[in-house]
PDB file of all heavy atoms in Angstrom:
ATOM      1  N   SER A   1     -40.911 -10.749  14.277  1.00  0.00           N
ATOM      2  CA  SER A   1     -40.578 -11.197  12.883  1.00  0.00           C
ATOM      3  C   SER A   1     -40.033 -10.096  11.981  1.00  0.00           C
ATOM      4  O   SER A   1     -39.840 -10.319  10.786  1.00  0.00           O
ATOM      5  CB  SER A   1     -41.870 -11.820  12.260  1.00  0.00           C
ATOM      6  OG  SER A   1     -42.922 -10.894  12.196  1.00  0.00           O
ATOM      7  N   GLY A   2     -39.808  -8.936  12.559  1.00  0.00           N
ATOM      8  CA  GLY A   2     -39.082  -7.896  11.758  1.00  0.00           C
ATOM      9  C   GLY A   2     -39.948  -6.905  11.063  1.00  0.00           C
ATOM     10  O   GLY A   2     -39.530  -6.265  10.112  1.00  0.00           O
ATOM     11  N   ARG A   3     -41.180  -6.691  11.579  1.00  0.00           N
ATOM     12  CA  ARG A   3     -42.091  -5.727  10.930  1.00  0.00           C
ATOM     13  C   ARG A   3     -42.208  -4.446  11.755  1.00  0.00           C
ATOM     14  O   ARG A   3     -43.279  -4.018  12.077  1.00  0.00           O
ATOM     15  CB  ARG A   3     -43.438  -6.393  10.694  1.00  0.00           C
ATOM     16  CG  ARG A   3     -43.281  -7.548   9.721  1.00  0.00           C
ATOM     17  CD  ARG A   3     -44.567  -8.322   9.499  1.00  0.00           C
ATOM     18  NE  ARG A   3     -44.282  -9.483   8.696  1.00  0.00           N
ATOM     19  CZ  ARG A   3     -44.238  -9.498   7.374  1.00  0.00           C
ATOM     20  NH1 ARG A   3     -44.485  -8.400   6.681  1.00  0.00           N
ATOM     21  NH2 ARG A   3     -43.963 -10.594   6.722  1.00  0.00           N
ATOM     22  N   SER A   4     -41.040  -3.959  12.158  1.00  0.00           N
ATOM     23  CA  SER A   4     -40.863  -2.658  12.786  1.00  0.00           C
ATOM     24  C   SER A   4     -41.244  -2.608  14.283  1.00  0.00           C
ATOM     25  O   SER A   4     -42.312  -3.059  14.693  1.00  0.00           O
ATOM     26  CB  SER A   4     -41.616  -1.508  12.074  1.00  0.00           C
ATOM     27  OG  SER A   4     -42.965  -1.497  12.412  1.00  0.00           O
ATOM     28  N   ILE A   5     -40.320  -2.058  15.053  1.00  0.00           N
ATOM     29  CA  ILE A   5     -40.540  -1.772  16.449  1.00  0.00           C
ATOM     30  C   ILE A   5     -40.004  -0.366  16.750  1.00  0.00           C
ATOM     31  O   ILE A   5     -39.151   0.142  16.010  1.00  0.00           O
ATOM     32  CB  ILE A   5     -39.826  -2.762  17.403  1.00  0.00           C
ATOM     33  CG1 ILE A   5     -38.333  -2.853  17.123  1.00  0.00           C
ATOM     34  CG2 ILE A   5     -40.482  -4.106  17.343  1.00  0.00           C
ATOM     35  CD1 ILE A   5     -37.578  -3.733  18.077  1.00  0.00           C
ATOM     36  N   THR A   6     -40.519   0.260  17.792  1.00  0.00           N
ATOM     37  CA  THR A   6     -40.003   1.575  18.191  1.00  0.00           C
ATOM     38  C   THR A   6     -38.723   1.428  18.976  1.00  0.00           C
ATOM     39  O   THR A   6     -37.793   2.203  18.801  1.00  0.00           O
ATOM     40  CB  THR A   6     -41.097   2.305  19.030  1.00  0.00           C
ATOM     41  OG1 THR A   6     -42.280   2.378  18.294  1.00  0.00           O
ATOM     42  CG2 THR A   6     -40.616   3.730  19.344  1.00  0.00           C
ATOM     43  N   SER A   7     -38.671   0.417  19.855  1.00  0.00           N
ATOM     44  CA  SER A   7     -37.435   0.139  20.597  1.00  0.00           C
ATOM     45  C   SER A   7     -37.460  -1.295  21.090  1.00  0.00           C
ATOM     46  O   SER A   7     -38.482  -1.947  21.062  1.00  0.00           O
ATOM     47  CB  SER A   7     -37.320   1.100  21.817  1.00  0.00           C
ATOM     48  OG  SER A   7     -38.408   0.920  22.688  1.00  0.00           O
ATOM     49  N   GLY A   8     -36.292  -1.754  21.517  1.00  0.00           N
ATOM     50  CA  GLY A   8     -36.152  -3.139  21.979  1.00  0.00           C
ATOM     51  C   GLY A   8     -35.304  -3.973  21.003  1.00  0.00           C
ATOM     52  O   GLY A   8     -34.848  -3.448  19.983  1.00  0.00           O
ATOM     53  N   LYS A   9     -35.067  -5.220  21.338  1.00  0.00           N
ATOM     54  CA  LYS A   9     -34.249  -6.043  20.466  1.00  0.00           C
ATOM     55  C   LYS A   9     -34.789  -7.513  20.468  1.00  0.00           C
ATOM     56  O   LYS A   9     -35.509  -7.930  21.375  1.00  0.00           O
ATOM     57  CB  LYS A   9     -32.775  -6.061  20.863  1.00  0.00           C
ATOM     58  CG  LYS A   9     -32.504  -6.544  22.259  1.00  0.00           C
ATOM     59  CD  LYS A   9     -30.977  -6.416  22.500  1.00  0.00           C
ATOM     60  CE  LYS A   9     -30.609  -6.871  23.941  1.00  0.00           C
ATOM     61  NZ  LYS A   9     -29.165  -6.773  24.171  1.00  0.00           N
ATOM     62  N   VAL A  10     -34.442  -8.221  19.369  1.00  0.00           N
ATOM     63  CA  VAL A  10     -34.874  -9.609  19.198  1.00  0.00           C
ATOM     64  C   VAL A  10     -33.630 -10.494  19.025  1.00  0.00           C
ATOM     65  O   VAL A  10     -32.754 -10.181  18.200  1.00  0.00           O
ATOM     66  CB  VAL A  10     -35.787  -9.735  17.966  1.00  0.00           C
ATOM     67  CG1 VAL A  10     -36.172 -11.209  17.723  1.00  0.00           C
ATOM     68  CG2 VAL A  10     -37.014  -8.880  18.111  1.00  0.00           C
ATOM     69  N   LEU A  11     -33.590 -11.537  19.805  1.00  0.00           N
ATOM     70  CA  LEU A  11     -32.448 -12.449  19.757  1.00  0.00           C
ATOM     71  C   LEU A  11     -32.903 -13.864  19.374  1.00  0.00           C
ATOM     72  O   LEU A  11     -33.958 -14.339  19.853  1.00  0.00           O
ATOM     73  CB  LEU A  11     -31.729 -12.544  21.119  1.00  0.00           C
ATOM     74  CG  LEU A  11     -31.263 -11.247  21.773  1.00  0.00           C
ATOM     75  CD1 LEU A  11     -30.607 -11.538  23.085  1.00  0.00           C
ATOM     76  CD2 LEU A  11     -30.291 -10.490  20.844  1.00  0.00           C
ATOM     77  N   LEU A  12     -32.147 -14.539  18.525  1.00  0.00           N
ATOM     78  CA  LEU A  12     -32.379 -15.928  18.178  1.00  0.00           C
ATOM     79  C   LEU A  12     -31.064 -16.646  18.455  1.00  0.00           C
ATOM     80  O   LEU A  12     -30.064 -16.347  17.869  1.00  0.00           O
ATOM     81  CB  LEU A  12     -32.770 -16.062  16.706  1.00  0.00           C
ATOM     82  CG  LEU A  12     -33.100 -17.484  16.242  1.00  0.00           C
ATOM     83  CD1 LEU A  12     -34.239 -18.093  17.008  1.00  0.00           C
ATOM     84  CD2 LEU A  12     -33.383 -17.502  14.732  1.00  0.00           C
ATOM     85  N   GLU A  13     -31.131 -17.622  19.379  1.00  0.00           N
ATOM     86  CA  GLU A  13     -29.932 -18.341  19.831  1.00  0.00           C
ATOM     87  C   GLU A  13     -28.837 -17.373  20.297  1.00  0.00           C
ATOM     88  O   GLU A  13     -27.679 -17.596  20.043  1.00  0.00           O
ATOM     89  CB  GLU A  13     -29.389 -19.237  18.710  1.00  0.00           C
ATOM     90  CG  GLU A  13     -30.329 -20.380  18.343  1.00  0.00           C
ATOM     91  CD  GLU A  13     -29.792 -21.292  17.289  1.00  0.00           C
ATOM     92  OE1 GLU A  13     -29.301 -20.750  16.244  1.00  0.00           O
ATOM     93  OE2 GLU A  13     -29.860 -22.509  17.444  1.00  0.00           O
ATOM     94  N   GLY A  14     -29.263 -16.269  20.919  1.00  0.00           N
ATOM     95  CA  GLY A  14     -28.332 -15.280  21.444  1.00  0.00           C
ATOM     96  C   GLY A  14     -27.815 -14.278  20.432  1.00  0.00           C
ATOM     97  O   GLY A  14     -27.123 -13.336  20.774  1.00  0.00           O
ATOM     98  N   LYS A  15     -28.213 -14.481  19.149  1.00  0.00           N
ATOM     99  CA  LYS A  15     -27.752 -13.564  18.071  1.00  0.00           C
ATOM    100  C   LYS A  15     -28.771 -12.470  17.885  1.00  0.00           C
ATOM    101  O   LYS A  15     -29.975 -12.758  17.731  1.00  0.00           O
ATOM    102  CB  LYS A  15     -27.560 -14.356  16.755  1.00  0.00           C
ATOM    103  CG  LYS A  15     -27.117 -13.470  15.602  1.00  0.00           C
ATOM    104  CD  LYS A  15     -26.998 -14.290  14.306  1.00  0.00           C
ATOM    105  CE  LYS A  15     -26.624 -13.414  13.133  1.00  0.00           C
ATOM    106  NZ  LYS A  15     -26.570 -14.180  11.866  1.00  0.00           N
ATOM    107  N   ASP A  16     -28.314 -11.238  17.854  1.00  0.00           N
ATOM    108  CA  ASP A  16     -29.214 -10.095  17.732  1.00  0.00           C
ATOM    109  C   ASP A  16     -29.696  -9.973  16.286  1.00  0.00           C
ATOM    110  O   ASP A  16     -28.901  -9.782  15.353  1.00  0.00           O
ATOM    111  CB  ASP A  16     -28.483  -8.822  18.132  1.00  0.00           C
ATOM    112  CG  ASP A  16     -29.432  -7.632  18.331  1.00  0.00           C
ATOM    113  OD1 ASP A  16     -30.565  -7.699  17.842  1.00  0.00           O
ATOM    114  OD2 ASP A  16     -29.031  -6.653  18.996  1.00  0.00           O
ATOM    115  N   LEU A  17     -31.034 -10.111  16.091  1.00  0.00           N
ATOM    116  CA  LEU A  17     -31.619 -10.017  14.771  1.00  0.00           C
ATOM    117  C   LEU A  17     -32.298  -8.676  14.523  1.00  0.00           C
ATOM    118  O   LEU A  17     -32.969  -8.468  13.495  1.00  0.00           O
ATOM    119  CB  LEU A  17     -32.697 -11.127  14.603  1.00  0.00           C
ATOM    120  CG  LEU A  17     -32.305 -12.550  14.820  1.00  0.00           C
ATOM    121  CD1 LEU A  17     -33.479 -13.485  14.469  1.00  0.00           C
ATOM    122  CD2 LEU A  17     -31.071 -12.956  14.035  1.00  0.00           C
ATOM    123  N   SER A  18     -32.151  -7.753  15.489  1.00  0.00           N
ATOM    124  CA  SER A  18     -32.953  -6.536  15.432  1.00  0.00           C
ATOM    125  C   SER A  18     -32.849  -5.709  14.179  1.00  0.00           C
ATOM    126  O   SER A  18     -33.783  -5.068  13.736  1.00  0.00           O
ATOM    127  CB  SER A  18     -32.573  -5.651  16.659  1.00  0.00           C
ATOM    128  OG  SER A  18     -32.704  -6.369  17.868  1.00  0.00           O
ATOM    129  N   ASP A  19     -31.667  -5.768  13.516  1.00  0.00           N
ATOM    130  CA  ASP A  19     -31.461  -4.988  12.330  1.00  0.00           C
ATOM    131  C   ASP A  19     -31.767  -5.778  11.048  1.00  0.00           C
ATOM    132  O   ASP A  19     -31.569  -5.260   9.936  1.00  0.00           O
ATOM    133  CB  ASP A  19     -30.021  -4.473  12.257  1.00  0.00           C
ATOM    134  CG  ASP A  19     -29.733  -3.438  13.364  1.00  0.00           C
ATOM    135  OD1 ASP A  19     -30.655  -2.733  13.782  1.00  0.00           O
ATOM    136  OD2 ASP A  19     -28.564  -3.374  13.816  1.00  0.00           O
ATOM    137  N   LEU A  20     -32.234  -6.998  11.176  1.00  0.00           N
ATOM    138  CA  LEU A  20     -32.535  -7.829  10.018  1.00  0.00           C
ATOM    139  C   LEU A  20     -33.955  -7.616   9.550  1.00  0.00           C
ATOM    140  O   LEU A  20     -34.863  -7.382  10.338  1.00  0.00           O
ATOM    141  CB  LEU A  20     -32.308  -9.300  10.326  1.00  0.00           C
ATOM    142  CG  LEU A  20     -30.920  -9.733  10.771  1.00  0.00           C
ATOM    143  CD1 LEU A  20     -30.858 -11.265  10.899  1.00  0.00           C
ATOM    144  CD2 LEU A  20     -29.811  -9.228   9.833  1.00  0.00           C
ATOM    145  N   THR A  21     -34.188  -7.719   8.254  1.00  0.00           N
ATOM    146  CA  THR A  21     -35.513  -7.637   7.686  1.00  0.00           C
ATOM    147  C   THR A  21     -36.266  -8.919   7.965  1.00  0.00           C
ATOM    148  O   THR A  21     -35.671  -9.930   8.409  1.00  0.00           O
ATOM    149  CB  THR A  21     -35.427  -7.388   6.186  1.00  0.00           C
ATOM    150  OG1 THR A  21     -34.842  -8.593   5.576  1.00  0.00           O
ATOM    151  CG2 THR A  21     -34.619  -6.179   5.829  1.00  0.00           C
ATOM    152  N   ALA A  22     -37.550  -8.924   7.683  1.00  0.00           N
ATOM    153  CA  ALA A  22     -38.345 -10.106   7.856  1.00  0.00           C
ATOM    154  C   ALA A  22     -37.825 -11.258   7.013  1.00  0.00           C
ATOM    155  O   ALA A  22     -37.757 -12.406   7.441  1.00  0.00           O
ATOM    156  CB  ALA A  22     -39.812  -9.817   7.483  1.00  0.00           C
ATOM    157  N   GLN A  23     -37.363 -10.969   5.788  1.00  0.00           N
ATOM    158  CA  GLN A  23     -36.819 -11.977   4.897  1.00  0.00           C
ATOM    159  C   GLN A  23     -35.515 -12.569   5.462  1.00  0.00           C
ATOM    160  O   GLN A  23     -35.251 -13.752   5.389  1.00  0.00           O
ATOM    161  CB  GLN A  23     -36.596 -11.427   3.501  1.00  0.00           C
ATOM    162  CG  GLN A  23     -37.874 -11.091   2.727  1.00  0.00           C
ATOM    163  CD  GLN A  23     -38.539  -9.822   3.225  1.00  0.00           C
ATOM    164  OE1 GLN A  23     -37.882  -8.978   3.858  1.00  0.00           O
ATOM    165  NE2 GLN A  23     -39.813  -9.649   2.918  1.00  0.00           N
ATOM    166  N   GLN A  24     -34.659 -11.666   5.986  1.00  0.00           N
ATOM    167  CA  GLN A  24     -33.407 -12.110   6.580  1.00  0.00           C
ATOM    168  C   GLN A  24     -33.645 -12.957   7.813  1.00  0.00           C
ATOM    169  O   GLN A  24     -32.929 -13.924   8.062  1.00  0.00           O
ATOM    170  CB  GLN A  24     -32.505 -10.918   6.904  1.00  0.00           C
ATOM    171  CG  GLN A  24     -31.963 -10.199   5.672  1.00  0.00           C
ATOM    172  CD  GLN A  24     -31.347  -8.861   6.012  1.00  0.00           C
ATOM    173  OE1 GLN A  24     -31.721  -8.180   6.958  1.00  0.00           O
ATOM    174  NE2 GLN A  24     -30.336  -8.486   5.240  1.00  0.00           N
ATOM    175  N   ARG A  25     -34.639 -12.600   8.587  1.00  0.00           N
ATOM    176  CA  ARG A  25     -34.983 -13.414   9.793  1.00  0.00           C
ATOM    177  C   ARG A  25     -35.471 -14.778   9.377  1.00  0.00           C
ATOM    178  O   ARG A  25     -35.220 -15.781  10.035  1.00  0.00           O
ATOM    179  CB  ARG A  25     -36.012 -12.680  10.652  1.00  0.00           C
ATOM    180  CG  ARG A  25     -35.437 -11.429  11.270  1.00  0.00           C
ATOM    181  CD  ARG A  25     -36.417 -10.741  12.210  1.00  0.00           C
ATOM    182  NE  ARG A  25     -36.037  -9.340  12.400  1.00  0.00           N
ATOM    183  CZ  ARG A  25     -36.316  -8.608  13.460  1.00  0.00           C
ATOM    184  NH1 ARG A  25     -36.992  -9.137  14.450  1.00  0.00           N
ATOM    185  NH2 ARG A  25     -35.939  -7.371  13.546  1.00  0.00           N
ATOM    186  N   ARG A  26     -36.196 -14.845   8.256  1.00  0.00           N
ATOM    187  CA  ARG A  26     -36.645 -16.133   7.756  1.00  0.00           C
ATOM    188  C   ARG A  26     -35.460 -17.013   7.421  1.00  0.00           C
ATOM    189  O   ARG A  26     -35.463 -18.217   7.762  1.00  0.00           O
ATOM    190  CB  ARG A  26     -37.525 -15.909   6.510  1.00  0.00           C
ATOM    191  CG  ARG A  26     -38.069 -17.238   5.902  1.00  0.00           C
ATOM    192  CD  ARG A  26     -39.066 -17.867   6.857  1.00  0.00           C
ATOM    193  NE  ARG A  26     -39.798 -18.967   6.256  1.00  0.00           N
ATOM    194  CZ  ARG A  26     -39.384 -20.264   6.262  1.00  0.00           C
ATOM    195  NH1 ARG A  26     -38.250 -20.577   6.854  1.00  0.00           N
ATOM    196  NH2 ARG A  26     -40.125 -21.199   5.720  1.00  0.00           N
ATOM    197  N   ARG A  27     -34.485 -16.445   6.752  1.00  0.00           N
ATOM    198  CA  ARG A  27     -33.274 -17.240   6.432  1.00  0.00           C
ATOM    199  C   ARG A  27     -32.496 -17.643   7.663  1.00  0.00           C
ATOM    200  O   ARG A  27     -31.792 -18.657   7.660  1.00  0.00           O
ATOM    201  CB  ARG A  27     -32.397 -16.458   5.456  1.00  0.00           C
ATOM    202  CG  ARG A  27     -32.975 -16.337   4.051  1.00  0.00           C
ATOM    203  CD  ARG A  27     -31.969 -15.837   3.049  1.00  0.00           C
ATOM    204  NE  ARG A  27     -31.638 -14.438   3.241  1.00  0.00           N
ATOM    205  CZ  ARG A  27     -32.324 -13.425   2.681  1.00  0.00           C
ATOM    206  NH1 ARG A  27     -33.370 -13.672   1.933  1.00  0.00           N
ATOM    207  NH2 ARG A  27     -31.955 -12.179   2.913  1.00  0.00           N
TER     208      ARG A  27
END
């Protein structure tokens, strides 16, 4: 949900959300 990781990535429908904040991921 965007509350900091040391490494790795998060994808939603194939779109990389790793650089998005928690608020941006909510949107």
